[in-house]
């Protein structure tokens, strides 16, 4: 079945089983390898994408549900100015997530800051609770998100 949607700002129409998972189609048909296959149960956050601007685990999204919607992966998000600012915040805070979880964390921070522009520590932990990685401690993640939120806030002013 052909399922039409917008992928990273470009129309896409893969021929696939409507029950296939978005994760599988993004990796296998489009070669978008920053969408990582982790737990396949929506727990780890490695496969996170933006679906109509909302952060979702692509391993839990059936293809038939995305007809006519917009999907953004890290490959598409890299073109935004926010991508570089988030990475700058990582460096300044001494936060260095592994390459496996970095894509999901970047998109997760973007989604969190759209909802809560200047989050408190508990809001950061809650907002990123769907991203599980053992590569860094949470204190540097909290510093990174706080720095990024301040940068975004100054830019909006």
N, C-alpha and C. Protein backbone atom coordinates (compact mmCIF):
# COMPACT_ATOMS: atom_id res chain seq x y z
N UNK A 1 0.84 -1.17 0.00
CA UNK A 1 0.00 0.00 0.00
C UNK A 1 0.90 1.25 0.00
N UNK A 2 0.54 2.23 -0.81
CA UNK A 2 1.26 3.50 -0.85
C UNK A 2 0.73 4.40 0.28
N UNK A 3 1.64 4.89 1.11
CA UNK A 3 1.25 5.79 2.20
C UNK A 3 2.01 7.10 2.01
N UNK A 4 1.23 8.16 1.76
CA UNK A 4 1.82 9.47 1.48
C UNK A 4 1.91 10.30 2.77
N UNK A 5 3.10 10.85 2.97
CA UNK A 5 3.32 11.74 4.10
C UNK A 5 4.49 12.66 3.76
N UNK A 6 4.80 13.58 4.63
CA UNK A 6 5.89 14.51 4.42
C UNK A 6 7.06 14.05 5.30
N UNK A 7 8.22 13.85 4.69
CA UNK A 7 9.40 13.37 5.42
C UNK A 7 10.51 14.40 5.31
N UNK A 8 10.85 15.02 6.40
CA UNK A 8 11.91 16.02 6.44
C UNK A 8 11.68 17.12 5.40
N UNK A 9 10.43 17.53 5.27
CA UNK A 9 10.08 18.62 4.37
C UNK A 9 9.86 18.24 2.92
N UNK A 10 9.90 16.95 2.62
CA UNK A 10 9.77 16.47 1.25
C UNK A 10 8.64 15.42 1.19
N UNK A 11 7.79 15.47 0.16
CA UNK A 11 6.76 14.43 0.05
C UNK A 11 7.38 13.04 -0.08
N UNK A 12 6.80 12.09 0.62
CA UNK A 12 7.27 10.71 0.58
C UNK A 12 6.06 9.80 0.35
N UNK A 13 6.28 8.69 -0.35
CA UNK A 13 5.18 7.77 -0.63
C UNK A 13 5.71 6.34 -0.73
N UNK A 14 6.15 5.77 0.41
CA UNK A 14 6.66 4.40 0.34
C UNK A 14 5.54 3.39 0.10
N UNK A 15 5.89 2.33 -0.58
CA UNK A 15 4.98 1.20 -0.76
C UNK A 15 5.33 0.22 0.35
N UNK A 16 4.40 0.04 1.30
CA UNK A 16 4.72 -0.79 2.45
C UNK A 16 3.46 -1.41 3.04
N UNK A 17 3.67 -2.35 3.91
CA UNK A 17 2.57 -2.92 4.68
C UNK A 17 2.08 -1.82 5.62
N UNK A 18 0.79 -1.52 5.65
CA UNK A 18 0.29 -0.45 6.50
C UNK A 18 0.53 -0.69 7.99
N UNK A 19 0.80 -1.94 8.37
CA UNK A 19 1.07 -2.25 9.77
C UNK A 19 2.56 -2.22 10.10
N UNK A 20 3.41 -1.98 9.08
CA UNK A 20 4.84 -1.85 9.35
C UNK A 20 5.06 -0.68 10.29
N UNK A 21 6.13 -0.75 11.04
CA UNK A 21 6.47 0.33 11.96
C UNK A 21 7.26 1.41 11.23
N UNK A 22 7.00 2.64 11.59
CA UNK A 22 7.69 3.78 10.98
C UNK A 22 9.20 3.62 11.08
N UNK A 23 9.69 3.15 12.21
CA UNK A 23 11.14 2.91 12.40
C UNK A 23 11.71 2.07 11.26
N UNK A 24 11.06 0.97 10.98
CA UNK A 24 11.53 0.05 9.94
C UNK A 24 11.55 0.72 8.57
N UNK A 25 10.52 1.45 8.23
CA UNK A 25 10.44 2.08 6.91
C UNK A 25 11.47 3.20 6.79
N UNK A 26 11.64 4.00 7.83
CA UNK A 26 12.63 5.09 7.78
C UNK A 26 14.03 4.54 7.56
N UNK A 27 14.36 3.47 8.22
CA UNK A 27 15.71 2.90 8.09
C UNK A 27 15.88 2.13 6.78
N UNK A 28 14.93 1.26 6.47
CA UNK A 28 15.11 0.34 5.35
C UNK A 28 14.80 0.97 3.99
N UNK A 29 13.75 1.78 3.90
CA UNK A 29 13.39 2.35 2.60
C UNK A 29 14.00 3.73 2.35
N UNK A 30 14.28 4.47 3.43
CA UNK A 30 14.81 5.82 3.24
C UNK A 30 16.26 5.96 3.70
N UNK A 31 16.82 4.94 4.33
CA UNK A 31 18.22 4.98 4.77
C UNK A 31 18.51 6.01 5.84
N UNK A 32 17.52 6.32 6.65
CA UNK A 32 17.68 7.32 7.71
C UNK A 32 18.16 6.61 8.98
N UNK A 33 19.46 6.53 9.12
CA UNK A 33 20.05 5.68 10.14
C UNK A 33 20.22 6.35 11.50
N UNK A 34 19.89 7.64 11.63
CA UNK A 34 19.91 8.25 12.96
C UNK A 34 18.69 7.83 13.77
N UNK A 35 17.73 7.21 13.12
CA UNK A 35 16.58 6.64 13.81
C UNK A 35 17.02 5.24 14.22
N UNK A 36 17.41 5.10 15.47
CA UNK A 36 18.04 3.86 15.95
C UNK A 36 17.01 2.84 16.45
N UNK A 37 17.34 1.59 16.27
CA UNK A 37 16.49 0.52 16.77
C UNK A 37 17.04 0.08 18.12
N UNK A 38 16.32 0.44 19.17
CA UNK A 38 16.76 0.09 20.52
C UNK A 38 15.90 -1.02 21.09
N UNK A 39 14.93 -0.61 21.88
CA UNK A 39 14.12 -1.57 22.62
C UNK A 39 12.92 -2.11 21.83
N UNK A 40 12.49 -1.41 20.80
CA UNK A 40 11.29 -1.71 19.99
C UNK A 40 10.01 -1.79 20.82
N UNK A 41 10.02 -1.12 21.97
CA UNK A 41 8.81 -1.10 22.80
C UNK A 41 8.47 0.31 23.29
N UNK A 42 9.11 1.33 22.70
CA UNK A 42 8.80 2.71 23.05
C UNK A 42 9.42 3.19 24.34
N UNK A 43 10.36 2.46 24.89
CA UNK A 43 10.92 2.79 26.20
C UNK A 43 12.20 3.61 26.13
N UNK A 44 13.09 3.31 25.19
CA UNK A 44 14.45 3.87 25.26
C UNK A 44 14.62 5.23 24.61
N UNK A 45 13.80 5.59 23.63
CA UNK A 45 13.92 6.89 22.98
C UNK A 45 14.90 6.94 21.83
N UNK A 46 15.59 5.86 21.52
CA UNK A 46 16.59 5.88 20.46
C UNK A 46 15.98 6.08 19.07
N UNK A 47 14.72 5.74 18.91
CA UNK A 47 14.07 5.85 17.60
C UNK A 47 13.17 7.07 17.50
N UNK A 48 13.33 8.03 18.39
CA UNK A 48 12.43 9.19 18.44
C UNK A 48 12.47 10.01 17.16
N UNK A 49 11.29 10.44 16.75
CA UNK A 49 11.12 11.36 15.63
C UNK A 49 10.06 12.38 16.02
N UNK A 50 9.94 13.43 15.24
CA UNK A 50 8.87 14.39 15.43
C UNK A 50 7.75 14.05 14.45
N UNK A 51 6.57 13.79 14.96
CA UNK A 51 5.40 13.48 14.14
C UNK A 51 4.42 14.62 14.34
N UNK A 52 4.25 15.42 13.29
CA UNK A 52 3.44 16.65 13.38
C UNK A 52 3.90 17.51 14.56
N UNK A 53 5.22 17.55 14.75
CA UNK A 53 5.82 18.39 15.79
C UNK A 53 5.88 17.77 17.17
N UNK A 54 5.29 16.60 17.35
CA UNK A 54 5.29 15.93 18.65
C UNK A 54 6.33 14.80 18.64
N UNK A 55 7.06 14.67 19.74
CA UNK A 55 8.05 13.62 19.86
C UNK A 55 7.35 12.27 20.06
N UNK A 56 7.71 11.29 19.24
CA UNK A 56 7.13 9.94 19.36
C UNK A 56 8.22 8.90 19.12
N UNK A 57 8.07 7.72 19.74
CA UNK A 57 8.97 6.61 19.42
C UNK A 57 8.50 5.95 18.12
N UNK A 58 9.31 6.02 17.09
CA UNK A 58 8.87 5.52 15.78
C UNK A 58 8.65 4.01 15.76
N UNK A 59 9.21 3.31 16.74
CA UNK A 59 8.99 1.86 16.81
C UNK A 59 7.55 1.51 17.20
N UNK A 60 6.82 2.50 17.70
CA UNK A 60 5.44 2.26 18.14
C UNK A 60 4.41 2.83 17.17
N UNK A 61 4.85 3.40 16.06
CA UNK A 61 3.95 4.07 15.12
C UNK A 61 3.74 3.19 13.89
N UNK A 62 2.51 2.75 13.69
CA UNK A 62 2.16 1.97 12.50
C UNK A 62 2.07 2.91 11.31
N UNK A 63 2.52 2.48 10.17
CA UNK A 63 2.56 3.33 8.98
C UNK A 63 1.18 3.87 8.61
N UNK A 64 0.13 3.10 8.77
CA UNK A 64 -1.18 3.59 8.35
C UNK A 64 -1.61 4.82 9.14
N UNK A 65 -1.00 5.07 10.30
CA UNK A 65 -1.39 6.22 11.12
C UNK A 65 -0.72 7.53 10.69
N UNK A 66 0.25 7.46 9.78
CA UNK A 66 0.96 8.69 9.42
C UNK A 66 0.52 9.28 8.08
N UNK A 67 -0.48 8.70 7.46
CA UNK A 67 -0.97 9.20 6.18
C UNK A 67 -1.28 10.70 6.30
N UNK A 68 -0.65 11.49 5.42
CA UNK A 68 -0.89 12.92 5.37
C UNK A 68 -0.18 13.73 6.45
N UNK A 69 0.62 13.09 7.28
CA UNK A 69 1.28 13.79 8.39
C UNK A 69 2.71 14.16 8.02
N UNK A 70 3.36 14.85 8.94
CA UNK A 70 4.75 15.28 8.77
C UNK A 70 5.65 14.56 9.75
N UNK A 71 6.74 13.98 9.24
CA UNK A 71 7.73 13.29 10.06
C UNK A 71 9.06 14.01 9.88
N UNK A 72 9.72 14.30 11.01
CA UNK A 72 11.05 14.90 10.96
C UNK A 72 11.99 14.02 11.78
N UNK A 73 13.07 13.60 11.13
CA UNK A 73 14.13 12.84 11.80
C UNK A 73 15.29 13.79 12.06
N UNK A 74 16.33 13.31 12.72
CA UNK A 74 17.48 14.16 12.96
C UNK A 74 18.09 14.65 11.65
N UNK A 75 18.04 13.82 10.61
CA UNK A 75 18.59 14.25 9.31
C UNK A 75 17.89 15.52 8.83
N UNK A 76 16.60 15.62 9.03
CA UNK A 76 15.86 16.82 8.64
C UNK A 76 16.05 17.95 9.62
N UNK A 77 16.15 17.63 10.89
CA UNK A 77 16.29 18.65 11.93
C UNK A 77 17.65 19.34 11.87
N UNK A 78 18.65 18.66 11.35
CA UNK A 78 20.00 19.25 11.25
C UNK A 78 20.02 20.56 10.48
N UNK A 79 19.07 20.74 9.58
CA UNK A 79 19.01 21.97 8.78
C UNK A 79 18.53 23.17 9.59
N UNK A 80 17.99 22.93 10.77
CA UNK A 80 17.48 24.04 11.58
C UNK A 80 18.62 24.67 12.38
N UNK A 81 18.47 25.94 12.70
CA UNK A 81 19.45 26.62 13.53
C UNK A 81 19.48 26.06 14.94
N UNK A 82 18.37 25.50 15.38
CA UNK A 82 18.31 24.95 16.73
C UNK A 82 19.27 23.78 16.92
N UNK A 83 19.49 23.02 15.88
CA UNK A 83 20.37 21.86 15.99
C UNK A 83 21.74 22.27 16.50
N UNK A 84 22.34 23.25 15.87
CA UNK A 84 23.67 23.71 16.28
C UNK A 84 23.67 24.30 17.68
N UNK A 85 22.60 25.00 18.04
CA UNK A 85 22.51 25.58 19.38
C UNK A 85 22.39 24.50 20.44
N UNK A 86 21.68 23.44 20.15
CA UNK A 86 21.57 22.34 21.10
C UNK A 86 22.93 21.67 21.29
N UNK A 87 23.65 21.44 20.19
CA UNK A 87 24.98 20.84 20.31
C UNK A 87 25.94 21.76 21.06
N UNK A 88 25.84 23.07 20.84
CA UNK A 88 26.66 24.03 21.59
C UNK A 88 26.37 23.92 23.08
N UNK A 89 25.09 23.82 23.42
CA UNK A 89 24.70 23.65 24.82
C UNK A 89 25.28 22.38 25.41
N UNK A 90 25.30 21.30 24.63
CA UNK A 90 25.91 20.05 25.08
C UNK A 90 27.38 20.28 25.43
N UNK A 91 28.11 20.91 24.51
CA UNK A 91 29.54 21.14 24.72
C UNK A 91 29.79 22.01 25.94
N UNK A 92 29.05 23.11 26.05
CA UNK A 92 29.24 24.03 27.16
C UNK A 92 28.94 23.38 28.50
N UNK A 93 28.01 22.46 28.54
CA UNK A 93 27.63 21.80 29.79
C UNK A 93 28.48 20.57 30.08
N UNK A 94 29.34 20.20 29.14
CA UNK A 94 30.14 18.99 29.31
C UNK A 94 29.30 17.73 29.15
N UNK A 95 28.22 17.85 28.39
CA UNK A 95 27.34 16.71 28.17
C UNK A 95 27.67 16.11 26.81
N UNK A 96 28.02 14.83 26.80
CA UNK A 96 28.42 14.19 25.56
C UNK A 96 27.71 12.84 25.42
N UNK A 97 26.45 12.87 24.97
CA UNK A 97 25.74 11.60 24.83
C UNK A 97 26.37 10.75 23.72
N UNK A 98 26.22 9.46 23.86
CA UNK A 98 26.77 8.56 22.84
C UNK A 98 26.04 8.78 21.50
N UNK A 99 26.67 8.35 20.43
CA UNK A 99 26.07 8.52 19.11
C UNK A 99 24.75 7.77 18.97
N UNK A 100 24.57 6.75 19.79
CA UNK A 100 23.34 5.96 19.70
C UNK A 100 22.14 6.75 20.20
N UNK A 101 22.30 7.45 21.32
CA UNK A 101 21.14 8.13 21.89
C UNK A 101 21.10 9.62 21.56
N UNK A 102 22.15 10.18 21.00
CA UNK A 102 22.18 11.62 20.71
C UNK A 102 21.01 12.08 19.84
N UNK A 103 20.67 11.39 18.75
CA UNK A 103 19.55 11.88 17.92
C UNK A 103 18.25 12.03 18.71
N UNK A 104 17.90 11.03 19.51
CA UNK A 104 16.68 11.10 20.29
C UNK A 104 16.73 12.19 21.34
N UNK A 105 17.90 12.39 21.94
CA UNK A 105 18.04 13.45 22.96
C UNK A 105 17.89 14.82 22.32
N UNK A 106 18.50 15.03 21.17
CA UNK A 106 18.39 16.33 20.49
C UNK A 106 16.94 16.64 20.16
N UNK A 107 16.25 15.69 19.55
CA UNK A 107 14.84 15.92 19.21
C UNK A 107 13.98 16.04 20.46
N UNK A 108 14.32 15.29 21.51
CA UNK A 108 13.59 15.38 22.77
C UNK A 108 13.73 16.75 23.42
N UNK A 109 14.93 17.31 23.38
CA UNK A 109 15.15 18.65 23.95
C UNK A 109 14.39 19.68 23.14
N UNK A 110 14.43 19.57 21.83
CA UNK A 110 13.67 20.48 20.98
C UNK A 110 12.19 20.45 21.35
N UNK A 111 11.62 19.24 21.44
CA UNK A 111 10.19 19.10 21.75
C UNK A 111 9.87 19.64 23.14
N UNK A 112 10.74 19.37 24.11
CA UNK A 112 10.53 19.87 25.47
C UNK A 112 10.51 21.39 25.50
N UNK A 113 11.48 22.02 24.83
CA UNK A 113 11.59 23.48 24.88
C UNK A 113 10.49 24.18 24.09
N UNK A 114 9.87 23.48 23.16
CA UNK A 114 8.70 24.05 22.48
C UNK A 114 7.52 24.14 23.45
N UNK A 115 7.41 23.15 24.33
CA UNK A 115 6.31 23.12 25.29
C UNK A 115 6.59 23.98 26.52
N UNK A 116 7.83 23.89 27.02
CA UNK A 116 8.22 24.60 28.24
C UNK A 116 9.52 25.34 27.92
N UNK A 117 9.44 26.61 27.53
CA UNK A 117 10.64 27.35 27.10
C UNK A 117 11.76 27.45 28.14
N UNK A 118 11.43 27.57 29.40
CA UNK A 118 12.45 27.65 30.46
C UNK A 118 12.11 26.63 31.55
N UNK A 119 12.39 25.35 31.29
CA UNK A 119 11.98 24.31 32.23
C UNK A 119 12.83 24.27 33.50
N UNK A 120 12.18 23.88 34.58
CA UNK A 120 12.85 23.61 35.85
C UNK A 120 13.45 22.21 35.78
N UNK A 121 14.29 21.87 36.74
CA UNK A 121 14.95 20.57 36.75
C UNK A 121 13.95 19.41 36.68
N UNK A 122 12.90 19.46 37.47
CA UNK A 122 11.93 18.36 37.47
C UNK A 122 11.20 18.26 36.13
N UNK A 123 10.99 19.41 35.46
CA UNK A 123 10.34 19.39 34.14
C UNK A 123 11.27 18.81 33.08
N UNK A 124 12.55 19.07 33.22
CA UNK A 124 13.54 18.48 32.29
C UNK A 124 13.55 16.97 32.46
N UNK A 125 13.65 16.52 33.70
CA UNK A 125 13.68 15.07 33.95
C UNK A 125 12.40 14.39 33.47
N UNK A 126 11.27 15.03 33.72
CA UNK A 126 9.99 14.48 33.28
C UNK A 126 9.88 14.51 31.75
N UNK A 127 10.25 15.64 31.15
CA UNK A 127 10.14 15.80 29.70
C UNK A 127 11.03 14.87 28.90
N UNK A 128 12.14 14.45 29.50
CA UNK A 128 13.07 13.56 28.80
C UNK A 128 13.06 12.16 29.40
N UNK A 129 12.02 11.84 30.14
CA UNK A 129 11.95 10.54 30.81
C UNK A 129 11.85 9.37 29.84
N UNK A 130 11.47 9.63 28.60
CA UNK A 130 11.38 8.56 27.60
C UNK A 130 12.69 8.28 26.89
N UNK A 131 13.78 8.86 27.38
CA UNK A 131 15.11 8.64 26.77
C UNK A 131 16.02 8.02 27.81
N UNK A 132 16.33 6.76 27.60
CA UNK A 132 17.14 6.04 28.56
C UNK A 132 18.49 5.68 27.96
N UNK A 133 19.52 6.21 28.57
CA UNK A 133 20.87 5.96 28.11
C UNK A 133 21.78 5.96 29.34
N UNK A 134 22.77 5.14 29.33
CA UNK A 134 23.68 5.05 30.46
C UNK A 134 25.00 5.77 30.19
N UNK A 135 25.07 6.55 29.11
CA UNK A 135 26.35 7.13 28.73
C UNK A 135 26.70 8.40 29.51
N UNK A 136 25.76 9.02 30.20
CA UNK A 136 26.03 10.24 30.96
C UNK A 136 25.12 10.31 32.17
N UNK A 137 25.56 11.10 33.13
CA UNK A 137 24.71 11.31 34.30
C UNK A 137 23.73 12.44 34.01
N UNK A 138 22.67 12.49 34.79
CA UNK A 138 21.60 13.45 34.53
C UNK A 138 21.98 14.89 34.84
N UNK A 139 22.95 15.12 35.72
CA UNK A 139 23.30 16.50 36.07
C UNK A 139 23.82 17.27 34.87
N UNK A 140 24.63 16.64 34.02
CA UNK A 140 25.14 17.35 32.84
C UNK A 140 24.03 17.52 31.79
N UNK A 141 23.10 16.59 31.72
CA UNK A 141 21.95 16.74 30.82
C UNK A 141 21.10 17.93 31.26
N UNK A 142 20.86 18.05 32.54
CA UNK A 142 20.07 19.16 33.07
C UNK A 142 20.78 20.49 32.78
N UNK A 143 22.11 20.53 32.99
CA UNK A 143 22.88 21.75 32.66
C UNK A 143 22.76 22.08 31.18
N UNK A 144 22.86 21.07 30.34
CA UNK A 144 22.79 21.30 28.90
C UNK A 144 21.43 21.86 28.50
N UNK A 145 20.36 21.27 28.98
CA UNK A 145 19.02 21.74 28.63
C UNK A 145 18.81 23.16 29.16
N UNK A 146 19.28 23.44 30.35
CA UNK A 146 19.15 24.78 30.92
C UNK A 146 19.89 25.80 30.08
N UNK A 147 21.12 25.49 29.66
CA UNK A 147 21.88 26.40 28.80
C UNK A 147 21.18 26.63 27.47
N UNK A 148 20.70 25.56 26.86
CA UNK A 148 20.00 25.68 25.58
C UNK A 148 18.73 26.52 25.74
N UNK A 149 17.99 26.28 26.81
CA UNK A 149 16.76 27.04 27.00
C UNK A 149 17.04 28.52 27.16
N UNK A 150 18.13 28.86 27.82
CA UNK A 150 18.50 30.27 27.97
C UNK A 150 18.90 30.88 26.64
N UNK A 151 19.64 30.12 25.82
CA UNK A 151 20.02 30.60 24.48
C UNK A 151 18.77 30.86 23.63
N UNK A 152 17.85 29.91 23.64
CA UNK A 152 16.62 30.07 22.86
C UNK A 152 15.81 31.25 23.36
N UNK A 153 15.77 31.41 24.66
CA UNK A 153 15.00 32.50 25.26
C UNK A 153 15.56 33.86 24.84
N UNK A 154 16.89 33.98 24.85
CA UNK A 154 17.53 35.24 24.42
C UNK A 154 17.27 35.52 22.94
N UNK A 155 17.28 34.47 22.15
CA UNK A 155 17.05 34.63 20.72
C UNK A 155 15.62 35.09 20.43
N UNK A 156 14.67 34.60 21.21
CA UNK A 156 13.27 34.99 21.03
C UNK A 156 13.00 36.42 21.49
N UNK A 157 13.83 36.92 22.39
CA UNK A 157 13.59 38.28 22.95
C UNK A 157 13.91 39.38 21.97
